[in-house]
Structures are given as structure tokens and as C-alpha cells.
Amino acid sequence: MTRVAISVAPAPAPLYTSASAGPADEWDAADIPPFVEGGAEVTESTVVINNPLELECYATGVPSPVIKWFKDGQAVRQGEGLRVSAGGRRLVLSRAQVSDTARFQCVATNEAGDHERDFNVVVHVPPSIRATGPSERSVVLHKAISLQCIPSGVPAPSITWLKDGRPVDTAQEHLKLESVGRVLQVTQARLEDSGRYSCVATNAAGEVQQHLRLSVHEPPSIPYSGEIINQTILSGFSTQLECKATGSPAP
């Protein structure tokens, strides 16, 4: 009897290409999921209003990933001051507006998966100051007056008050800053409070100044007021009667 040796090879196992792959997963073993540079952290980007801003999204993977851009979770619509270029890699804001302050996201996708990068965009607005009255103001000596400075901007501007080019000395008890510096209160005006006052508003996007001139008026006064002065003159001769008065402005 002749014996024949037969060897049986085991059936090949299904080819799965990832830890989560199963029979329904058919992407090629050579596929590499996308990787976006800087995707591990949020990128903070600032731009001054009406200036351009470019956001870059460099992605690698096999096959080459497709890149899409989102603004606050919604797909970016080109033509509203937004343009996608360089094959999707670059998002261009041609003239940034306050409405462009948002969370932007680029998402790179291929058959092997996806990866994203987030950008926090903040649009800065230089300060401006709204006029609240005439540039020439006056107050009577020892009376009160308020000087106002109403700035706007992004981020909120800080305010500095100057008098004749130097910081206002609010250590003086009759000078007070109120409403986060927007109001300079003169509680009992002095003659030396007269001068040129400047409100300086500053933020990361720039600086602006508003000037006004304050005059402290002193009511007229006459020495020996209320007294009767007797003066004798000879008939036919001239004489002079003098009335000295002081005040500001000169009476």
C-alpha cells in the first residue's frame, strides 16, 4: 500500500487595515489618515478691522486629504469677504469685519479618517470717542462741572486724562474719576483748573484723543464794595472817580 502525505494550508485570514476595521472597511492598507499641522491646539489670531488675514491649514495623508473650512460650525461661503485658495489650504479674509470674530476650523478628510485645526479669530477696532458737548466749557469758581469721554473700540479702550499735556492729578480732593475713567468730576473748581484737557483712549489697535478747554470764571468783585466814599471837589475843577474791579474774565 502506498501512502500519500497530504498537507492542507489554512485559509487566509481577512485583511483588515486598522484596529477598528471589519469586513465592511475596504480602505487600502497603504492609506494614511490626515494630519494637520498645529491641530493639537487652538490658534489665536487677531487682525485690525478692514485689514486682510490669512489662515493656513497644512495637511498630509494618503490619499491627499480634501480640506474644508467652517465658521462657527457652518461651512464657509465664499464671496462674503472670504476666499479659499491654494487647493483649500488657505482661507483669506480680504477685509476683516467685526462679524468675522469667530471660531474658524479647517477639516482635512480622506478615506482613512479626518483631522482638524481650530482658529480663534478676533477683529480689533481702533478707539473712537463720541462727542458729548462743546469743546469750550466754563464753570464758575467753586462750582462743580463734569468732563465726559465716551470711547468705543475692540478691545475696550483704556482712558487717560491729561491737563495741558500732563496727567491729571486725581490725588487732589476736588478732582475725581468716575465711570471707569469716562468722567472727570471737578467738585469745586479752582482758578488753576483752567486749561486744555485731553481724553486719551488706547487699545491694541491704536489711540485717539479728544480735547476740550475749560475756563473757570470768577465773579466780579470791587474793593470796599457796599461802602460810601465821600469826596469833596472844588467847583469848576475836574476830578476822577476810580472803580477797581477784579474777576475772570476781566469785568
C-alpha atoms as a PDB file:
ATOM      1  CA  MET A   1       0.000   0.000   0.000  1.00  0.00           C
ATOM      2  CA  THR A   2       1.299   3.322  -0.969  1.00  0.00           C
ATOM      3  CA  ARG A   3       0.801   6.137   1.480  1.00  0.00           C
ATOM      4  CA  VAL A   4       0.384   9.684   0.214  1.00  0.00           C
ATOM      5  CA  ALA A   5       1.060  12.622   2.549  1.00  0.00           C
ATOM      6  CA  ILE A   6      -1.421  15.470   2.100  1.00  0.00           C
ATOM      7  CA  SER A   7      -0.827  18.891   3.679  1.00  0.00           C
ATOM      8  CA  VAL A   8      -3.729  21.346   3.979  1.00  0.00           C
ATOM      9  CA  ALA A   9      -2.851  25.071   4.073  1.00  0.00           C
ATOM     10  CA  PRO A  10      -5.026  27.197   6.364  1.00  0.00           C
ATOM     11  CA  ALA A  11      -7.455  29.600   4.686  1.00  0.00           C
ATOM     12  CA  PRO A  12      -6.091  33.172   4.520  1.00  0.00           C
ATOM     13  CA  ALA A  13      -7.478  35.459   7.183  1.00  0.00           C
ATOM     14  CA  PRO A  14      -9.492  38.529   6.068  1.00  0.00           C
ATOM     15  CA  LEU A  15      -7.382  41.586   5.527  1.00  0.00           C
ATOM     16  CA  TYR A  16      -8.307  44.353   7.971  1.00  0.00           C
ATOM     17  CA  THR A  17      -6.399  47.553   7.736  1.00  0.00           C
ATOM     18  CA  SER A  18      -6.989  49.177  11.124  1.00  0.00           C
ATOM     19  CA  ALA A  19      -7.748  48.262  14.683  1.00  0.00           C
ATOM     20  CA  SER A  20     -11.405  49.135  14.158  1.00  0.00           C
ATOM     21  CA  ALA A  21     -11.685  47.721  10.657  1.00  0.00           C
ATOM     22  CA  GLY A  22     -14.025  44.850   9.791  1.00  0.00           C
ATOM     23  CA  PRO A  23     -15.308  43.223   6.622  1.00  0.00           C
ATOM     24  CA  ALA A  24     -17.134  46.463   5.700  1.00  0.00           C
ATOM     25  CA  ASP A  25     -13.940  48.515   5.870  1.00  0.00           C
ATOM     26  CA  GLU A  26     -12.305  48.434   2.480  1.00  0.00           C
ATOM     27  CA  TRP A  27      -9.738  51.255   2.548  1.00  0.00           C
ATOM     28  CA  ASP A  28      -6.323  50.186   1.357  1.00  0.00           C
ATOM     29  CA  ALA A  29      -3.606  49.179   3.790  1.00  0.00           C
ATOM     30  CA  ALA A  30      -1.446  51.941   2.329  1.00  0.00           C
ATOM     31  CA  ASP A  31      -3.931  54.689   3.296  1.00  0.00           C
ATOM     32  CA  ILE A  32      -2.679  57.144   5.907  1.00  0.00           C
ATOM     33  CA  PRO A  33      -5.159  59.246   7.921  1.00  0.00           C
ATOM     34  CA  PRO A  34      -4.862  63.012   7.565  1.00  0.00           C
ATOM     35  CA  PHE A  35      -2.639  65.011   9.886  1.00  0.00           C
ATOM     36  CA  VAL A  36      -2.997  68.794  10.179  1.00  0.00           C
ATOM     37  CA  GLU A  37      -0.046  70.780  11.495  1.00  0.00           C
ATOM     38  CA  GLY A  38      -0.979  72.604  14.687  1.00  0.00           C
ATOM     39  CA  GLY A  39      -4.155  70.604  15.131  1.00  0.00           C
ATOM     40  CA  ALA A  40      -3.338  69.781  18.743  1.00  0.00           C
ATOM     41  CA  GLU A  41      -4.097  73.301  19.967  1.00  0.00           C
ATOM     42  CA  VAL A  42      -6.288  76.309  19.204  1.00  0.00           C
ATOM     43  CA  THR A  43      -4.514  79.082  17.273  1.00  0.00           C
ATOM     44  CA  GLU A  44      -5.277  82.641  18.390  1.00  0.00           C
ATOM     45  CA  SER A  45      -5.351  85.146  15.515  1.00  0.00           C
ATOM     46  CA  THR A  46      -6.001  88.894  15.691  1.00  0.00           C
ATOM     47  CA  VAL A  47      -6.463  91.432  12.919  1.00  0.00           C
ATOM     48  CA  VAL A  48      -7.390  95.117  12.783  1.00  0.00           C
ATOM     49  CA  ILE A  49     -10.699  95.861  11.079  1.00  0.00           C
ATOM     50  CA  ASN A  50     -10.580  96.312   7.274  1.00  0.00           C
ATOM     51  CA  ASN A  51      -7.168  94.600   7.105  1.00  0.00           C
ATOM     52  CA  PRO A  52      -6.553  91.187   5.482  1.00  0.00           C
ATOM     53  CA  LEU A  53      -5.957  87.953   7.369  1.00  0.00           C
ATOM     54  CA  GLU A  54      -4.808  84.560   6.080  1.00  0.00           C
ATOM     55  CA  LEU A  55      -5.343  81.264   7.888  1.00  0.00           C
ATOM     56  CA  GLU A  56      -3.160  78.333   6.797  1.00  0.00           C
ATOM     57  CA  CYS A  57      -4.056  74.656   7.031  1.00  0.00           C
ATOM     58  CA  TYR A  58      -1.221  72.285   6.095  1.00  0.00           C
ATOM     59  CA  ALA A  59      -2.470  68.674   5.909  1.00  0.00           C
ATOM     60  CA  THR A  60      -0.746  65.426   4.957  1.00  0.00           C
ATOM     61  CA  GLY A  61      -2.172  61.957   4.345  1.00  0.00           C
ATOM     62  CA  VAL A  62      -2.634  59.229   1.737  1.00  0.00           C
ATOM     63  CA  PRO A  63      -4.546  59.783  -0.410  1.00  0.00           C
ATOM     64  CA  SER A  64      -4.189  63.570  -0.274  1.00  0.00           C
ATOM     65  CA  PRO A  65      -6.897  64.895   2.030  1.00  0.00           C
ATOM     66  CA  VAL A  66      -9.644  67.259   0.981  1.00  0.00           C
ATOM     67  CA  ILE A  67      -9.775  70.428   3.133  1.00  0.00           C
ATOM     68  CA  LYS A  68     -12.986  72.201   4.072  1.00  0.00           C
ATOM     69  CA  TRP A  69     -13.403  75.370   6.151  1.00  0.00           C
ATOM     70  CA  PHE A  70     -16.048  76.153   8.757  1.00  0.00           C
ATOM     71  CA  LYS A  71     -17.016  79.323  10.639  1.00  0.00           C
ATOM     72  CA  ASP A  72     -18.743  78.798  13.981  1.00  0.00           C
ATOM     73  CA  GLY A  73     -19.711  75.321  12.811  1.00  0.00           C
ATOM     74  CA  GLN A  74     -21.138  76.401   9.441  1.00  0.00           C
ATOM     75  CA  ALA A  75     -19.456  75.749   6.086  1.00  0.00           C
ATOM     76  CA  VAL A  76     -17.667  78.871   4.855  1.00  0.00           C
ATOM     77  CA  ARG A  77     -19.424  80.582   1.967  1.00  0.00           C
ATOM     78  CA  GLN A  78     -17.029  82.229  -0.411  1.00  0.00           C
ATOM     79  CA  GLY A  79     -17.795  85.673  -1.749  1.00  0.00           C
ATOM     80  CA  GLU A  80     -18.694  87.323   1.585  1.00  0.00           C
ATOM     81  CA  GLY A  81     -15.213  88.724   2.138  1.00  0.00           C
ATOM     82  CA  LEU A  82     -13.921  85.153   2.435  1.00  0.00           C
ATOM     83  CA  ARG A  83     -11.902  83.293  -0.183  1.00  0.00           C
ATOM     84  CA  VAL A  84     -10.402  79.794  -0.177  1.00  0.00           C
ATOM     85  CA  SER A  85      -7.187  79.348  -2.178  1.00  0.00           C
ATOM     86  CA  ALA A  86      -4.146  77.073  -2.595  1.00  0.00           C
ATOM     87  CA  GLY A  87      -6.298  73.989  -3.040  1.00  0.00           C
ATOM     88  CA  GLY A  88      -8.210  74.661   0.148  1.00  0.00           C
ATOM     89  CA  ARG A  89      -5.106  75.098   2.256  1.00  0.00           C
ATOM     90  CA  ARG A  90      -5.560  78.857   2.754  1.00  0.00           C
ATOM     91  CA  LEU A  91      -8.544  80.893   3.924  1.00  0.00           C
ATOM     92  CA  VAL A  92      -8.276  84.603   3.116  1.00  0.00           C
ATOM     93  CA  LEU A  93     -10.294  87.329   4.817  1.00  0.00           C
ATOM     94  CA  SER A  94      -9.814  90.216   2.403  1.00  0.00           C
ATOM     95  CA  ARG A  95     -11.159  92.976   4.723  1.00  0.00           C
ATOM     96  CA  ALA A  96     -11.857  91.641   8.187  1.00  0.00           C
ATOM     97  CA  GLN A  97     -15.062  92.884   9.836  1.00  0.00           C
ATOM     98  CA  VAL A  98     -16.327  92.663  13.411  1.00  0.00           C
ATOM     99  CA  SER A  99     -18.645  89.859  12.256  1.00  0.00           C
ATOM    100  CA  ASP A 100     -15.530  87.815  11.433  1.00  0.00           C
ATOM    101  CA  THR A 101     -14.754  87.466  15.141  1.00  0.00           C
ATOM    102  CA  ALA A 102     -15.474  83.734  15.303  1.00  0.00           C
ATOM    103  CA  ARG A 103     -14.134  80.188  15.678  1.00  0.00           C
ATOM    104  CA  PHE A 104     -12.798  79.028  12.303  1.00  0.00           C
ATOM    105  CA  GLN A 105     -11.948  75.394  11.644  1.00  0.00           C
ATOM    106  CA  CYS A 106     -10.269  73.566   8.822  1.00  0.00           C
ATOM    107  CA  VAL A 107     -11.109  69.858   8.438  1.00  0.00           C
ATOM    108  CA  ALA A 108      -8.891  67.574   6.355  1.00  0.00           C
ATOM    109  CA  THR A 109     -10.571  64.331   5.207  1.00  0.00           C
ATOM    110  CA  ASN A 110      -9.629  61.238   3.224  1.00  0.00           C
ATOM    111  CA  GLU A 111     -10.742  57.575   3.121  1.00  0.00           C
ATOM    112  CA  ALA A 112      -8.701  56.840   6.247  1.00  0.00           C
ATOM    113  CA  GLY A 113     -10.248  59.486   8.509  1.00  0.00           C
ATOM    114  CA  ASP A 114     -10.166  63.202   9.285  1.00  0.00           C
ATOM    115  CA  HIS A 115      -8.255  65.750  11.361  1.00  0.00           C
ATOM    116  CA  GLU A 116      -8.959  69.408  12.128  1.00  0.00           C
ATOM    117  CA  ARG A 117      -7.387  72.618  13.342  1.00  0.00           C
ATOM    118  CA  ASP A 118      -9.174  75.444  15.173  1.00  0.00           C
ATOM    119  CA  PHE A 119      -8.554  79.182  14.923  1.00  0.00           C
ATOM    120  CA  ASN A 120      -9.960  81.808  17.283  1.00  0.00           C
ATOM    121  CA  VAL A 121     -10.155  84.996  15.222  1.00  0.00           C
ATOM    122  CA  VAL A 122     -10.636  88.336  16.969  1.00  0.00           C
ATOM    123  CA  VAL A 123     -11.101  91.514  14.922  1.00  0.00           C
ATOM    124  CA  HIS A 124      -9.777  94.609  16.709  1.00  0.00           C
ATOM    125  CA  VAL A 125     -11.334  98.036  16.204  1.00  0.00           C
ATOM    126  CA  PRO A 126      -9.263 101.196  16.873  1.00  0.00           C
ATOM    127  CA  PRO A 127     -10.708 103.529  19.506  1.00  0.00           C
ATOM    128  CA  SER A 128     -13.069 106.348  18.659  1.00  0.00           C
ATOM    129  CA  ILE A 129     -14.550 108.976  21.002  1.00  0.00           C
ATOM    130  CA  ARG A 130     -18.110 110.239  20.745  1.00  0.00           C
ATOM    131  CA  ALA A 131     -18.547 113.976  21.205  1.00  0.00           C
ATOM    132  CA  THR A 132     -20.689 114.778  24.252  1.00  0.00           C
ATOM    133  CA  GLY A 133     -20.774 118.579  24.137  1.00  0.00           C
ATOM    134  CA  PRO A 134     -18.931 121.717  23.047  1.00  0.00           C
ATOM    135  CA  SER A 135     -15.153 121.790  23.048  1.00  0.00           C
ATOM    136  CA  GLU A 136     -15.221 125.022  25.059  1.00  0.00           C
ATOM    137  CA  ARG A 137     -16.567 124.638  28.601  1.00  0.00           C
ATOM    138  CA  SER A 138     -16.802 127.058  31.521  1.00  0.00           C
ATOM    139  CA  VAL A 139     -17.617 126.866  35.213  1.00  0.00           C
ATOM    140  CA  VAL A 140     -17.977 129.444  37.975  1.00  0.00           C
ATOM    141  CA  LEU A 141     -15.325 129.425  40.689  1.00  0.00           C
ATOM    142  CA  HIS A 142     -16.071 126.897  43.469  1.00  0.00           C
ATOM    143  CA  LYS A 143     -18.863 125.283  41.410  1.00  0.00           C
ATOM    144  CA  ALA A 144     -18.888 121.726  40.030  1.00  0.00           C
ATOM    145  CA  ILE A 145     -18.508 120.501  36.455  1.00  0.00           C
ATOM    146  CA  SER A 146     -18.191 117.076  34.785  1.00  0.00           C
ATOM    147  CA  LEU A 147     -15.998 116.388  31.752  1.00  0.00           C
ATOM    148  CA  GLN A 148     -17.064 113.298  29.798  1.00  0.00           C
ATOM    149  CA  CYS A 149     -15.170 110.959  27.484  1.00  0.00           C
ATOM    150  CA  ILE A 150     -17.193 108.169  25.814  1.00  0.00           C
ATOM    151  CA  PRO A 151     -14.840 105.900  23.820  1.00  0.00           C
ATOM    152  CA  SER A 152     -15.593 102.743  21.883  1.00  0.00           C
ATOM    153  CA  GLY A 153     -13.365 100.087  20.320  1.00  0.00           C
ATOM    154  CA  VAL A 154     -12.353  96.410  20.456  1.00  0.00           C
ATOM    155  CA  PRO A 155     -10.904  95.558  22.874  1.00  0.00           C
ATOM    156  CA  ALA A 156     -12.442  98.142  25.204  1.00  0.00           C
ATOM    157  CA  PRO A 157     -10.063 101.130  25.349  1.00  0.00           C
ATOM    158  CA  SER A 158      -8.335 102.326  28.491  1.00  0.00           C
ATOM    159  CA  ILE A 159      -8.751 106.039  29.300  1.00  0.00           C
ATOM    160  CA  THR A 160      -6.171 108.580  30.434  1.00  0.00           C
ATOM    161  CA  TRP A 161      -6.896 112.242  31.233  1.00  0.00           C
ATOM    162  CA  LEU A 162      -4.325 114.966  30.594  1.00  0.00           C
ATOM    163  CA  LYS A 163      -4.310 118.651  31.509  1.00  0.00           C
ATOM    164  CA  ASP A 164      -2.033 120.844  29.435  1.00  0.00           C
ATOM    165  CA  GLY A 165      -0.200 117.704  28.297  1.00  0.00           C
ATOM    166  CA  ARG A 166       0.351 116.182  31.748  1.00  0.00           C
ATOM    167  CA  PRO A 167      -1.636 113.505  33.605  1.00  0.00           C
ATOM    168  CA  VAL A 168      -4.445 114.942  35.703  1.00  0.00           C
ATOM    169  CA  ASP A 169      -3.549 114.818  39.396  1.00  0.00           C
ATOM    170  CA  THR A 170      -6.566 112.990  40.823  1.00  0.00           C
ATOM    171  CA  ALA A 171      -4.850 112.939  44.209  1.00  0.00           C
ATOM    172  CA  GLN A 172      -6.320 116.408  44.647  1.00  0.00           C
ATOM    173  CA  GLU A 173      -9.519 116.053  46.625  1.00  0.00           C
ATOM    174  CA  HIS A 174     -11.615 118.162  44.261  1.00  0.00           C
ATOM    175  CA  LEU A 175     -10.747 116.020  41.201  1.00  0.00           C
ATOM    176  CA  LYS A 176     -12.335 112.564  40.845  1.00  0.00           C
ATOM    177  CA  LEU A 177     -12.535 109.922  38.121  1.00  0.00           C
ATOM    178  CA  GLU A 178     -15.866 108.119  37.784  1.00  0.00           C
ATOM    179  CA  SER A 179     -17.480 105.521  35.479  1.00  0.00           C
ATOM    180  CA  VAL A 180     -14.220 103.633  34.853  1.00  0.00           C
ATOM    181  CA  GLY A 181     -12.425 106.855  33.941  1.00  0.00           C
ATOM    182  CA  ARG A 182     -15.011 108.125  31.463  1.00  0.00           C
ATOM    183  CA  VAL A 183     -16.000 111.065  33.688  1.00  0.00           C
ATOM    184  CA  LEU A 184     -13.630 113.598  35.224  1.00  0.00           C
ATOM    185  CA  GLN A 185     -15.508 115.303  38.036  1.00  0.00           C
ATOM    186  CA  VAL A 186     -14.372 118.734  39.252  1.00  0.00           C
ATOM    187  CA  THR A 187     -16.276 119.174  42.511  1.00  0.00           C
ATOM    188  CA  GLN A 188     -15.121 122.695  43.444  1.00  0.00           C
ATOM    189  CA  ALA A 189     -13.474 124.455  40.553  1.00  0.00           C
ATOM    190  CA  ARG A 190     -10.340 126.484  41.223  1.00  0.00           C
ATOM    191  CA  LEU A 191      -8.795 129.128  39.021  1.00  0.00           C
ATOM    192  CA  GLU A 192      -5.827 126.851  38.349  1.00  0.00           C
ATOM    193  CA  ASP A 193      -8.204 124.214  36.923  1.00  0.00           C
ATOM    194  CA  SER A 194      -8.494 126.313  33.767  1.00  0.00           C
ATOM    195  CA  GLY A 195      -6.648 124.756  30.851  1.00  0.00           C
ATOM    196  CA  ARG A 196      -6.704 122.316  27.941  1.00  0.00           C
ATOM    197  CA  TYR A 197      -7.939 118.864  28.883  1.00  0.00           C
ATOM    198  CA  SER A 198      -7.350 115.760  26.753  1.00  0.00           C
ATOM    199  CA  CYS A 199      -9.054 112.394  26.953  1.00  0.00           C
ATOM    200  CA  VAL A 200      -6.763 109.682  25.534  1.00  0.00           C
ATOM    201  CA  ALA A 201      -8.366 106.337  24.605  1.00  0.00           C
ATOM    202  CA  THR A 202      -5.977 103.446  23.874  1.00  0.00           C
ATOM    203  CA  ASN A 203      -6.299  99.792  22.904  1.00  0.00           C
ATOM    204  CA  ALA A 204      -4.292  97.191  20.969  1.00  0.00           C
ATOM    205  CA  ALA A 205      -5.452  98.646  17.645  1.00  0.00           C
ATOM    206  CA  GLY A 206      -4.494 102.274  18.223  1.00  0.00           C
ATOM    207  CA  GLU A 207      -5.025 105.530  20.099  1.00  0.00           C
ATOM    208  CA  VAL A 208      -7.248 108.577  19.766  1.00  0.00           C
ATOM    209  CA  GLN A 209      -7.562 111.864  21.661  1.00  0.00           C
ATOM    210  CA  GLN A 210     -10.335 114.351  22.290  1.00  0.00           C
ATOM    211  CA  HIS A 211      -9.571 117.865  23.533  1.00  0.00           C
ATOM    212  CA  LEU A 212     -11.612 120.488  25.342  1.00  0.00           C
ATOM    213  CA  ARG A 213     -10.806 123.780  27.010  1.00  0.00           C
ATOM    214  CA  LEU A 214     -12.093 124.608  30.458  1.00  0.00           C
ATOM    215  CA  SER A 215     -12.354 128.166  31.736  1.00  0.00           C
ATOM    216  CA  VAL A 216     -13.003 128.879  35.406  1.00  0.00           C
ATOM    217  CA  HIS A 217     -14.889 132.134  35.793  1.00  0.00           C
ATOM    218  CA  GLU A 218     -14.517 134.303  38.865  1.00  0.00           C
ATOM    219  CA  PRO A 219     -17.440 136.643  39.603  1.00  0.00           C
ATOM    220  CA  PRO A 220     -16.556 140.354  39.679  1.00  0.00           C
ATOM    221  CA  SER A 221     -15.572 141.897  42.979  1.00  0.00           C
ATOM    222  CA  ILE A 222     -14.957 145.543  43.920  1.00  0.00           C
ATOM    223  CA  PRO A 223     -12.799 146.555  46.890  1.00  0.00           C
ATOM    224  CA  TYR A 224     -14.795 148.286  49.620  1.00  0.00           C
ATOM    225  CA  SER A 225     -17.999 147.280  47.870  1.00  0.00           C
ATOM    226  CA  GLY A 226     -21.036 148.492  49.779  1.00  0.00           C
ATOM    227  CA  GLU A 227     -19.201 151.363  51.387  1.00  0.00           C
ATOM    228  CA  ILE A 228     -19.929 155.037  50.685  1.00  0.00           C
ATOM    229  CA  ILE A 229     -16.910 157.163  49.909  1.00  0.00           C
ATOM    230  CA  ASN A 230     -17.241 160.877  50.417  1.00  0.00           C
ATOM    231  CA  GLN A 231     -15.119 163.033  48.163  1.00  0.00           C
ATOM    232  CA  THR A 232     -15.072 166.865  48.117  1.00  0.00           C
ATOM    233  CA  ILE A 233     -14.208 168.790  44.958  1.00  0.00           C
ATOM    234  CA  LEU A 234     -13.907 172.457  44.185  1.00  0.00           C
ATOM    235  CA  SER A 235     -16.412 173.966  41.886  1.00  0.00           C
ATOM    236  CA  GLY A 236     -15.119 174.261  38.357  1.00  0.00           C
ATOM    237  CA  PHE A 237     -12.360 171.684  38.821  1.00  0.00           C
ATOM    238  CA  SER A 238     -12.320 168.171  37.344  1.00  0.00           C
ATOM    239  CA  THR A 239     -11.912 165.020  39.348  1.00  0.00           C
ATOM    240  CA  GLN A 240     -11.649 161.268  38.809  1.00  0.00           C
ATOM    241  CA  LEU A 241     -13.691 158.540  40.434  1.00  0.00           C
ATOM    242  CA  GLU A 242     -11.960 155.179  40.337  1.00  0.00           C
ATOM    243  CA  CYS A 243     -13.664 151.780  40.462  1.00  0.00           C
ATOM    244  CA  LYS A 244     -11.263 148.862  40.596  1.00  0.00           C
ATOM    245  CA  ALA A 245     -12.896 145.527  39.825  1.00  0.00           C
ATOM    246  CA  THR A 246     -11.402 142.063  39.558  1.00  0.00           C
ATOM    247  CA  GLY A 247     -12.749 138.833  38.102  1.00  0.00           C
ATOM    248  CA  SER A 248     -12.223 136.249  35.377  1.00  0.00           C
ATOM    249  CA  PRO A 249     -12.764 137.060  32.634  1.00  0.00           C
ATOM    250  CA  ALA A 250     -11.967 140.697  33.330  1.00  0.00           C
ATOM    251  CA  PRO A 251     -15.174 142.582  34.049  1.00  0.00           C
END
